[in-house]
Amino acid sequence: MQEQAFRDDDVAESELVTRRGTFRAVAFRADGFEHMALVFGTPGDDVLVRVHSECMTGDIFGAMRCECGEQLDSALDAIVREGGGILVYLRGHEGRGIGLVAKVRTHVLQDEQGLDTLDSATSLGLPVDIRDYTPAVRILKHLRVRSVRLLSNNPDKLSALESAGIRVAERVPLLMAPNDHNIGYLTAKRDRLGHDLPQVEDFSEGCVTH
């Protein structure tokens, strides 16, 4: 029996046919936002899971300033290859929680003053990261998920799930090739946020070599 993580009027399910295949789409309301979980196949123990933060510029418009859109595509591809898995898409996480308008303002500072993704936020009096992963935990429990193999490079995301009772059996890297537009962003995430991004060093060495 599913845990009653939501009221009946805060969750809805249907089939969603996509170019990758047919998913079970589970829409749910939590903390003032409407989120989505895409379930592929019949996930079992240690299910492959991606908890993805909304990024309009990357996910929808293919911005090269970040790797978000590529990660979203890669995670869905990995879940389909696996034959089962879940992608949880969290709204309200734009710009690590500061919102779209504020995020675009940080882009101006990055372009005009050379600030990185962290300093451009704090210079505006904004927090670096205020994302809340509680909605993801609630939907995973609703789906009767107890343990996951987490598609992520972010150790904080792993800790957030485990502290809320979701066992992370493995962290599965989700590494995108850097480009000239996002190498600064990825470097800041590696050096200042502790993300595991070994491809950053490879890119830098390649630039020196060539």
Protein backbone atom coordinates (compact mmCIF):
# COMPACT_ATOMS: atom_id res chain seq x y z
CA MET A 1 0.00 0.00 0.00
CA GLN A 2 1.28 3.47 -0.89
CA GLU A 3 2.16 5.91 1.86
CA GLN A 4 -0.33 8.73 2.12
CA ALA A 5 2.20 11.43 1.31
CA PHE A 6 -0.41 13.53 -0.51
CA ARG A 7 -4.09 14.29 -0.37
CA ASP A 8 -6.02 12.80 -3.27
CA ASP A 9 -6.58 16.21 -4.87
CA ASP A 10 -2.83 16.97 -4.80
CA VAL A 11 -1.73 14.09 -7.02
CA ALA A 12 -2.79 12.78 -10.44
CA GLU A 13 -1.44 10.05 -12.72
CA SER A 14 -1.67 9.20 -16.41
CA GLU A 15 0.32 7.62 -19.21
CA LEU A 16 2.71 9.92 -21.04
CA VAL A 17 3.87 8.77 -24.46
CA THR A 18 7.20 10.37 -25.41
CA ARG A 19 9.76 9.90 -28.15
CA ARG A 20 11.72 7.74 -25.69
CA GLY A 21 8.78 5.53 -24.79
CA THR A 22 5.77 5.48 -22.48
CA PHE A 23 6.13 6.77 -18.93
CA ARG A 24 3.73 6.97 -16.04
CA ALA A 25 3.38 10.68 -15.33
CA VAL A 26 2.70 11.49 -11.69
CA ALA A 27 1.90 15.17 -11.16
CA PHE A 28 1.84 16.38 -7.57
CA ARG A 29 1.48 19.58 -5.57
CA ALA A 30 3.89 20.36 -2.75
CA ASP A 31 5.03 23.56 -1.07
CA GLY A 32 3.16 25.82 -3.48
CA PHE A 33 4.50 24.24 -6.68
CA GLU A 34 3.34 21.56 -9.09
CA HIS A 35 6.02 18.98 -9.77
CA MET A 36 6.25 15.88 -11.95
CA ALA A 37 7.63 12.37 -11.54
CA LEU A 38 8.14 10.28 -14.68
CA VAL A 39 8.17 6.56 -13.95
CA PHE A 40 9.52 4.16 -16.57
CA GLY A 41 8.96 0.43 -16.39
CA THR A 42 8.41 -1.22 -13.02
CA PRO A 43 11.17 0.07 -10.75
CA GLY A 44 12.36 -2.37 -8.09
CA ASP A 45 14.96 -2.10 -5.36
CA ASP A 46 17.83 0.36 -5.78
CA VAL A 47 15.88 2.07 -8.56
CA LEU A 48 17.72 4.45 -10.87
CA VAL A 49 16.52 7.95 -9.94
CA ARG A 50 17.25 11.47 -11.12
CA VAL A 51 16.05 14.36 -8.96
CA HIS A 52 16.21 17.27 -11.41
CA SER A 53 15.93 20.93 -10.51
CA GLU A 54 13.93 23.10 -12.88
CA CYS A 55 16.07 25.21 -15.23
CA MET A 56 14.03 26.95 -17.90
CA THR A 57 17.01 28.32 -19.80
CA GLY A 58 18.78 24.98 -19.97
CA ASP A 59 15.94 22.47 -20.01
CA ILE A 60 13.71 24.24 -22.54
CA PHE A 61 15.91 26.60 -24.51
CA GLY A 62 19.16 24.62 -24.54
CA ALA A 63 21.33 27.31 -22.94
CA MET A 64 25.01 26.42 -22.96
CA ARG A 65 25.77 28.42 -19.80
CA CYS A 66 24.90 25.34 -17.75
CA GLU A 67 24.66 21.58 -18.33
CA CYS A 68 21.10 21.22 -17.02
CA GLY A 69 19.36 20.45 -20.30
CA GLU A 70 21.97 17.88 -21.25
CA GLN A 71 21.68 16.25 -17.83
CA LEU A 72 17.90 16.04 -18.17
CA ASP A 73 18.18 14.33 -21.56
CA SER A 74 20.98 12.04 -20.42
CA ALA A 75 19.09 10.99 -17.28
CA LEU A 76 15.97 10.09 -19.25
CA ASP A 77 18.07 8.13 -21.74
CA ALA A 78 19.78 6.26 -18.89
CA ILE A 79 16.46 5.39 -17.26
CA VAL A 80 15.10 4.01 -20.53
CA ARG A 81 18.29 2.00 -21.17
CA GLU A 82 18.00 0.60 -17.66
CA GLY A 83 14.48 -0.58 -18.40
CA GLY A 84 13.11 1.11 -15.30
CA GLY A 85 13.61 4.24 -13.23
CA ILE A 86 12.19 7.53 -12.08
CA LEU A 87 12.88 11.15 -12.94
CA VAL A 88 11.55 13.66 -10.42
CA TYR A 89 11.29 17.17 -11.89
CA LEU A 90 11.17 19.80 -9.16
CA ARG A 91 9.67 23.21 -9.86
CA GLY A 92 10.67 26.27 -7.84
CA HIS A 93 14.36 25.38 -8.06
CA GLU A 94 15.23 27.91 -10.75
CA GLY A 95 18.69 29.35 -10.14
CA ARG A 96 19.20 27.02 -7.14
CA GLY A 97 16.02 28.47 -5.69
CA ILE A 98 16.41 32.22 -6.26
CA GLY A 99 13.96 32.35 -9.16
CA LEU A 100 14.11 33.19 -12.85
CA VAL A 101 14.32 37.01 -12.65
CA ALA A 102 17.11 36.87 -10.08
CA LYS A 103 18.93 34.20 -12.08
CA VAL A 104 18.94 36.35 -15.19
CA ARG A 105 20.30 39.25 -13.13
CA THR A 106 23.17 37.04 -12.00
CA HIS A 107 23.88 36.24 -15.65
CA VAL A 108 24.42 39.95 -16.30
CA LEU A 109 26.99 40.13 -13.50
CA GLN A 110 28.72 37.01 -14.78
CA ASP A 111 28.94 38.44 -18.31
CA GLU A 112 29.83 42.03 -17.42
CA GLN A 113 31.94 41.63 -14.27
CA GLY A 114 33.28 38.10 -14.57
CA LEU A 115 31.69 36.91 -11.33
CA ASP A 116 31.09 33.19 -10.95
CA THR A 117 27.73 31.57 -10.29
CA LEU A 118 28.09 31.91 -6.52
CA ASP A 119 29.49 35.45 -6.25
CA SER A 120 26.98 36.79 -8.75
CA ALA A 121 24.20 35.65 -6.40
CA THR A 122 25.71 36.80 -3.13
CA SER A 123 26.62 40.21 -4.60
CA LEU A 124 22.86 40.74 -5.08
CA GLY A 125 22.20 39.71 -1.48
CA LEU A 126 20.85 36.34 -2.57
CA PRO A 127 21.59 32.89 -1.14
CA VAL A 128 23.78 30.46 -3.03
CA ASP A 129 21.43 27.47 -2.77
CA ILE A 130 18.04 27.25 -1.07
CA ARG A 131 16.63 24.23 -2.87
CA ASP A 132 14.41 21.94 -0.82
CA TYR A 133 14.34 18.28 -1.82
CA THR A 134 11.46 17.36 0.53
CA PRO A 135 8.93 17.15 -2.35
CA ALA A 136 11.16 14.59 -4.07
CA VAL A 137 11.32 12.52 -0.91
CA ARG A 138 7.54 12.65 -0.54
CA ILE A 139 6.87 11.48 -4.08
CA LEU A 140 9.46 8.70 -3.85
CA LYS A 141 7.80 7.43 -0.68
CA HIS A 142 4.41 7.75 -2.37
CA LEU A 143 5.81 5.53 -5.13
CA ARG A 144 7.03 3.06 -2.49
CA VAL A 145 10.70 3.69 -3.25
CA ARG A 146 12.99 2.90 -0.34
CA SER A 147 16.43 2.81 -1.96
CA VAL A 148 17.84 4.49 -5.04
CA ARG A 149 20.83 4.69 -7.30
CA LEU A 150 21.01 8.44 -7.63
CA LEU A 151 22.00 10.08 -10.91
CA SER A 152 23.86 13.09 -9.55
CA ASN A 153 27.22 14.77 -9.10
CA ASN A 154 26.02 16.68 -6.04
CA PRO A 155 26.85 15.18 -2.61
CA ASP A 156 24.38 17.56 -0.92
CA LYS A 157 21.51 16.03 -2.87
CA LEU A 158 22.54 12.57 -1.74
CA SER A 159 22.70 13.73 1.89
CA ALA A 160 19.29 15.39 1.64
CA LEU A 161 17.65 12.16 0.48
CA GLU A 162 19.38 9.97 3.02
CA SER A 163 18.60 12.30 5.92
CA ALA A 164 14.93 12.05 4.95
CA GLY A 165 14.89 8.26 4.94
CA ILE A 166 15.66 7.38 1.31
CA ARG A 167 18.66 5.05 1.17
CA VAL A 168 21.15 5.90 -1.57
CA ALA A 169 22.73 2.60 -2.58
CA GLU A 170 24.97 4.29 -5.16
CA ARG A 171 25.66 7.69 -6.64
CA VAL A 172 25.77 7.36 -10.41
CA PRO A 173 27.77 10.16 -12.10
CA LEU A 174 25.96 12.28 -14.67
CA LEU A 175 28.86 13.97 -16.42
CA MET A 176 28.40 16.27 -19.39
CA ALA A 177 31.27 17.42 -21.59
CA PRO A 178 32.20 21.04 -20.77
CA ASN A 179 32.20 23.78 -23.36
CA ASP A 180 33.66 27.27 -23.52
CA HIS A 181 30.40 28.77 -22.24
CA ASN A 182 29.97 26.66 -19.11
CA ILE A 183 33.49 25.76 -18.02
CA GLY A 184 33.54 28.61 -15.49
CA TYR A 185 30.18 27.51 -14.09
CA LEU A 186 31.30 23.89 -13.78
CA THR A 187 34.61 24.90 -12.21
CA ALA A 188 32.81 26.94 -9.54
CA LYS A 189 30.47 24.03 -8.81
CA ARG A 190 33.45 21.70 -8.44
CA ASP A 191 35.69 23.99 -6.41
CA ARG A 192 33.15 25.87 -4.28
CA LEU A 193 30.12 23.59 -4.03
CA GLY A 194 31.91 20.25 -3.88
CA HIS A 195 30.32 18.68 -6.95
CA ASP A 196 32.22 15.69 -8.34
CA LEU A 197 33.13 16.89 -11.84
CA PRO A 198 36.37 15.27 -13.03
CA GLN A 199 35.71 16.30 -16.64
CA VAL A 200 36.50 19.91 -15.70
CA GLU A 201 40.16 19.03 -15.21
CA ASP A 202 40.23 17.11 -18.49
CA PHE A 203 38.82 20.12 -20.32
CA SER A 204 41.38 22.47 -18.77
CA GLU A 205 44.26 20.15 -19.61
CA GLY A 206 42.99 19.84 -23.18
CA CYS A 207 42.94 23.61 -23.55
CA VAL A 208 46.53 23.86 -22.31
CA THR A 209 47.65 21.02 -24.59
CA HIS A 210 45.98 22.44 -27.67
